[in-house]
């Protein structure tokens, strides 16, 4: 993956996205088709690798098999990226309750590894972390950043 570069009037930014396909497939497709270089990292824990097929022919898309729980893999993955969007997670209360060790490894240690990898590569690159709606619990109206936290 190349570093960001000026390609005429568009500034091409290289993004690393830790994902859980097929959940974040639309995010990757959107970003790869709107002038970002996108490197997605996933270990196919859910076993659904078909989700990358629509992205495979896009010259701005790169896939790297990797696991957020392995620090050295994340240190390698962040190289050449201008920003990180961390979406890899075990999501939902039922999944976390039924597999607490895996949830802790991915959600806590994996996030810590992304932070450590960023710090080792370039602590100034932006890191976006997205949470699930589970932190808000049941919401009757539209959920916003101002919604009260009521974790499930």
C-alpha atoms as a PDB file:
ATOM      1  CA  UNK A   1       0.000   0.000   0.000  1.00  0.00           C
ATOM      2  CA  UNK A   2       1.386   3.367  -0.958  1.00  0.00           C
ATOM      3  CA  UNK A   3       1.399   6.407   1.262  1.00  0.00           C
ATOM      4  CA  UNK A   4      -1.093   9.157   0.597  1.00  0.00           C
ATOM      5  CA  UNK A   5      -0.463  11.039  -2.590  1.00  0.00           C
ATOM      6  CA  UNK A   6      -1.871  13.881  -4.610  1.00  0.00           C
ATOM      7  CA  UNK A   7      -3.537  12.547  -7.770  1.00  0.00           C
ATOM      8  CA  UNK A   8      -4.675  15.759  -9.397  1.00  0.00           C
ATOM      9  CA  UNK A   9      -7.481  17.302  -7.393  1.00  0.00           C
ATOM     10  CA  UNK A  10      -8.015  14.234  -5.221  1.00  0.00           C
ATOM     11  CA  UNK A  11      -5.896  13.481  -2.187  1.00  0.00           C
ATOM     12  CA  UNK A  12      -5.665   9.696  -2.062  1.00  0.00           C
ATOM     13  CA  UNK A  13      -5.548   8.418   1.509  1.00  0.00           C
ATOM     14  CA  UNK A  14      -4.547   4.897   2.505  1.00  0.00           C
ATOM     15  CA  UNK A  15      -6.834   3.389   5.127  1.00  0.00           C
ATOM     16  CA  UNK A  16      -6.383   0.264   7.199  1.00  0.00           C
ATOM     17  CA  UNK A  17      -9.731  -1.213   8.204  1.00  0.00           C
ATOM     18  CA  UNK A  18      -9.888  -4.095  10.645  1.00  0.00           C
ATOM     19  CA  UNK A  19     -13.090  -5.870   9.762  1.00  0.00           C
ATOM     20  CA  UNK A  20     -15.372  -8.778  10.360  1.00  0.00           C
ATOM     21  CA  UNK A  21     -16.699  -9.703   6.932  1.00  0.00           C
ATOM     22  CA  UNK A  22     -19.480  -9.636   5.888  1.00  0.00           C
ATOM     23  CA  UNK A  23     -20.551  -7.099   8.543  1.00  0.00           C
ATOM     24  CA  UNK A  24     -18.335  -4.244   7.347  1.00  0.00           C
ATOM     25  CA  UNK A  25     -18.445  -5.168   3.652  1.00  0.00           C
ATOM     26  CA  UNK A  26     -20.450  -2.077   2.702  1.00  0.00           C
ATOM     27  CA  UNK A  27     -18.011   0.200   4.555  1.00  0.00           C
ATOM     28  CA  UNK A  28     -15.074  -1.241   2.626  1.00  0.00           C
ATOM     29  CA  UNK A  29     -16.889  -1.100  -0.712  1.00  0.00           C
ATOM     30  CA  UNK A  30     -17.921   2.510  -0.175  1.00  0.00           C
ATOM     31  CA  UNK A  31     -14.472   3.725   0.874  1.00  0.00           C
ATOM     32  CA  UNK A  32     -12.638   1.817  -1.859  1.00  0.00           C
ATOM     33  CA  UNK A  33     -14.895   3.272  -4.533  1.00  0.00           C
ATOM     34  CA  UNK A  34     -14.734   6.907  -3.382  1.00  0.00           C
ATOM     35  CA  UNK A  35     -11.000   7.518  -3.777  1.00  0.00           C
ATOM     36  CA  UNK A  36      -9.421   5.812  -0.794  1.00  0.00           C
ATOM     37  CA  UNK A  37      -6.867   3.064  -0.891  1.00  0.00           C
ATOM     38  CA  UNK A  38      -8.344   0.474   1.444  1.00  0.00           C
ATOM     39  CA  UNK A  39      -6.501  -2.384   3.107  1.00  0.00           C
ATOM     40  CA  UNK A  40      -8.869  -4.667   4.990  1.00  0.00           C
ATOM     41  CA  UNK A  41      -7.583  -7.111   7.571  1.00  0.00           C
ATOM     42  CA  UNK A  42      -9.717 -10.051   8.662  1.00  0.00           C
ATOM     43  CA  UNK A  43      -9.176 -13.635   9.827  1.00  0.00           C
ATOM     44  CA  UNK A  44     -12.578 -14.867   8.571  1.00  0.00           C
ATOM     45  CA  UNK A  45     -13.590 -15.948  12.051  1.00  0.00           C
ATOM     46  CA  UNK A  46     -17.160 -16.058  10.745  1.00  0.00           C
ATOM     47  CA  UNK A  47     -15.985 -18.099   7.738  1.00  0.00           C
ATOM     48  CA  UNK A  48     -17.520 -15.775   5.151  1.00  0.00           C
ATOM     49  CA  UNK A  49     -14.772 -14.811   2.758  1.00  0.00           C
ATOM     50  CA  UNK A  50     -17.195 -14.395  -0.194  1.00  0.00           C
ATOM     51  CA  UNK A  51     -17.847 -10.863   1.036  1.00  0.00           C
ATOM     52  CA  UNK A  52     -14.576  -9.633  -0.482  1.00  0.00           C
ATOM     53  CA  UNK A  53     -15.492 -10.784  -4.020  1.00  0.00           C
ATOM     54  CA  UNK A  54     -17.118  -7.438  -5.008  1.00  0.00           C
ATOM     55  CA  UNK A  55     -13.926  -5.676  -3.900  1.00  0.00           C
ATOM     56  CA  UNK A  56     -11.393  -8.012  -5.524  1.00  0.00           C
ATOM     57  CA  UNK A  57     -11.212  -6.188  -8.861  1.00  0.00           C
ATOM     58  CA  UNK A  58     -10.900  -2.712  -7.380  1.00  0.00           C
ATOM     59  CA  UNK A  59      -7.288  -1.530  -7.783  1.00  0.00           C
ATOM     60  CA  UNK A  60      -7.611   0.553  -4.594  1.00  0.00           C
ATOM     61  CA  UNK A  61      -8.520  -2.486  -2.478  1.00  0.00           C
ATOM     62  CA  UNK A  62      -6.066  -4.783  -0.737  1.00  0.00           C
ATOM     63  CA  UNK A  63      -6.900  -7.690   1.509  1.00  0.00           C
ATOM     64  CA  UNK A  64      -4.556  -8.958   4.186  1.00  0.00           C
ATOM     65  CA  UNK A  65      -5.346 -12.050   6.205  1.00  0.00           C
ATOM     66  CA  UNK A  66      -4.649 -11.189   9.812  1.00  0.00           C
ATOM     67  CA  UNK A  67      -5.847 -11.376  13.373  1.00  0.00           C
ATOM     68  CA  UNK A  68      -6.135  -8.353  15.667  1.00  0.00           C
ATOM     69  CA  UNK A  69      -5.133 -10.552  18.595  1.00  0.00           C
ATOM     70  CA  UNK A  70      -1.646 -10.979  17.087  1.00  0.00           C
ATOM     71  CA  UNK A  71       0.337  -7.785  17.705  1.00  0.00           C
ATOM     72  CA  UNK A  72       3.064  -8.508  15.132  1.00  0.00           C
ATOM     73  CA  UNK A  73       0.443  -8.957  12.399  1.00  0.00           C
ATOM     74  CA  UNK A  74      -1.114  -5.616  13.285  1.00  0.00           C
ATOM     75  CA  UNK A  75       2.278  -3.893  13.313  1.00  0.00           C
ATOM     76  CA  UNK A  76       2.771  -5.155   9.772  1.00  0.00           C
ATOM     77  CA  UNK A  77      -0.747  -4.204   8.702  1.00  0.00           C
ATOM     78  CA  UNK A  78      -0.474  -0.535   9.744  1.00  0.00           C
ATOM     79  CA  UNK A  79       2.612   0.097   7.619  1.00  0.00           C
ATOM     80  CA  UNK A  80       1.881   2.528   4.810  1.00  0.00           C
ATOM     81  CA  UNK A  81      -1.495   3.609   6.144  1.00  0.00           C
ATOM     82  CA  UNK A  82      -2.598   7.170   6.782  1.00  0.00           C
ATOM     83  CA  UNK A  83      -5.476   6.261   9.087  1.00  0.00           C
ATOM     84  CA  UNK A  84      -6.967   3.255  10.853  1.00  0.00           C
ATOM     85  CA  UNK A  85     -10.628   2.371  11.181  1.00  0.00           C
ATOM     86  CA  UNK A  86     -10.931  -0.360  13.794  1.00  0.00           C
ATOM     87  CA  UNK A  87     -14.127  -2.366  13.332  1.00  0.00           C
ATOM     88  CA  UNK A  88     -13.030  -5.922  14.146  1.00  0.00           C
ATOM     89  CA  UNK A  89     -14.947  -7.223  17.134  1.00  0.00           C
ATOM     90  CA  UNK A  90     -17.059  -9.939  18.613  1.00  0.00           C
ATOM     91  CA  UNK A  91     -20.372  -8.096  18.631  1.00  0.00           C
ATOM     92  CA  UNK A  92     -23.592  -8.447  20.531  1.00  0.00           C
ATOM     93  CA  UNK A  93     -24.275  -9.553  24.064  1.00  0.00           C
ATOM     94  CA  UNK A  94     -25.229 -13.151  23.148  1.00  0.00           C
ATOM     95  CA  UNK A  95     -21.945 -13.752  21.296  1.00  0.00           C
ATOM     96  CA  UNK A  96     -19.881 -12.145  24.052  1.00  0.00           C
ATOM     97  CA  UNK A  97     -21.711 -14.070  26.774  1.00  0.00           C
ATOM     98  CA  UNK A  98     -21.316 -17.419  25.013  1.00  0.00           C
ATOM     99  CA  UNK A  99     -17.624 -16.844  24.206  1.00  0.00           C
ATOM    100  CA  UNK A 100     -16.260 -14.529  26.910  1.00  0.00           C
ATOM    101  CA  UNK A 101     -12.584 -15.440  26.416  1.00  0.00           C
ATOM    102  CA  UNK A 102     -12.801 -14.830  22.663  1.00  0.00           C
ATOM    103  CA  UNK A 103     -14.721 -11.582  23.207  1.00  0.00           C
ATOM    104  CA  UNK A 104     -12.059 -10.341  25.626  1.00  0.00           C
ATOM    105  CA  UNK A 105      -9.219 -11.410  23.338  1.00  0.00           C
ATOM    106  CA  UNK A 106     -10.691  -9.670  20.284  1.00  0.00           C
ATOM    107  CA  UNK A 107     -12.480  -6.696  21.804  1.00  0.00           C
ATOM    108  CA  UNK A 108      -9.978  -5.767  24.509  1.00  0.00           C
ATOM    109  CA  UNK A 109      -6.606  -7.231  23.531  1.00  0.00           C
ATOM    110  CA  UNK A 110      -7.252  -6.746  19.805  1.00  0.00           C
ATOM    111  CA  UNK A 111      -8.059  -3.076  20.317  1.00  0.00           C
ATOM    112  CA  UNK A 112      -4.987  -2.722  22.521  1.00  0.00           C
ATOM    113  CA  UNK A 113      -2.892  -4.305  19.728  1.00  0.00           C
ATOM    114  CA  UNK A 114      -4.240  -1.810  17.199  1.00  0.00           C
ATOM    115  CA  UNK A 115      -3.284   1.035  19.538  1.00  0.00           C
ATOM    116  CA  UNK A 116       0.198  -0.416  20.164  1.00  0.00           C
ATOM    117  CA  UNK A 117       0.750  -1.014  16.430  1.00  0.00           C
ATOM    118  CA  UNK A 118      -0.280   2.571  15.663  1.00  0.00           C
ATOM    119  CA  UNK A 119       2.009   3.918  18.381  1.00  0.00           C
ATOM    120  CA  UNK A 120       4.940   1.881  17.028  1.00  0.00           C
ATOM    121  CA  UNK A 121       4.339   2.983  13.426  1.00  0.00           C
ATOM    122  CA  UNK A 122       3.140   6.586  13.742  1.00  0.00           C
ATOM    123  CA  UNK A 123       1.255   7.817  16.810  1.00  0.00           C
ATOM    124  CA  UNK A 124      -0.067  10.804  14.849  1.00  0.00           C
ATOM    125  CA  UNK A 125      -2.188   8.882  12.339  1.00  0.00           C
ATOM    126  CA  UNK A 126      -5.901   9.021  13.112  1.00  0.00           C
ATOM    127  CA  UNK A 127      -7.520   5.998  14.728  1.00  0.00           C
ATOM    128  CA  UNK A 128     -11.281   5.637  14.474  1.00  0.00           C
ATOM    129  CA  UNK A 129     -12.917   3.162  16.832  1.00  0.00           C
ATOM    130  CA  UNK A 130     -16.567   2.336  16.355  1.00  0.00           C
ATOM    131  CA  UNK A 131     -18.694   0.793  19.057  1.00  0.00           C
ATOM    132  CA  UNK A 132     -21.831  -1.280  18.574  1.00  0.00           C
ATOM    133  CA  UNK A 133     -25.260  -0.165  19.620  1.00  0.00           C
ATOM    134  CA  UNK A 134     -25.035  -2.527  22.589  1.00  0.00           C
ATOM    135  CA  UNK A 135     -23.595   0.298  24.705  1.00  0.00           C
ATOM    136  CA  UNK A 136     -26.940   2.106  24.367  1.00  0.00           C
ATOM    137  CA  UNK A 137     -29.185  -0.848  25.159  1.00  0.00           C
ATOM    138  CA  UNK A 138     -32.758  -0.662  23.923  1.00  0.00           C
ATOM    139  CA  UNK A 139     -33.424   2.715  22.323  1.00  0.00           C
ATOM    140  CA  UNK A 140     -36.966   3.768  21.430  1.00  0.00           C
ATOM    141  CA  UNK A 141     -36.014   6.706  19.188  1.00  0.00           C
ATOM    142  CA  UNK A 142     -33.056   7.412  16.958  1.00  0.00           C
ATOM    143  CA  UNK A 143     -29.761   6.608  18.650  1.00  0.00           C
ATOM    144  CA  UNK A 144     -27.238   9.470  18.607  1.00  0.00           C
ATOM    145  CA  UNK A 145     -23.947  10.249  20.323  1.00  0.00           C
ATOM    146  CA  UNK A 146     -25.966  12.095  22.964  1.00  0.00           C
ATOM    147  CA  UNK A 147     -28.129   9.035  23.765  1.00  0.00           C
ATOM    148  CA  UNK A 148     -27.805   7.761  27.317  1.00  0.00           C
ATOM    149  CA  UNK A 149     -25.514   4.788  27.804  1.00  0.00           C
ATOM    150  CA  UNK A 150     -27.348   1.707  29.032  1.00  0.00           C
ATOM    151  CA  UNK A 151     -25.109  -1.240  28.191  1.00  0.00           C
ATOM    152  CA  UNK A 152     -26.801  -4.554  27.521  1.00  0.00           C
END
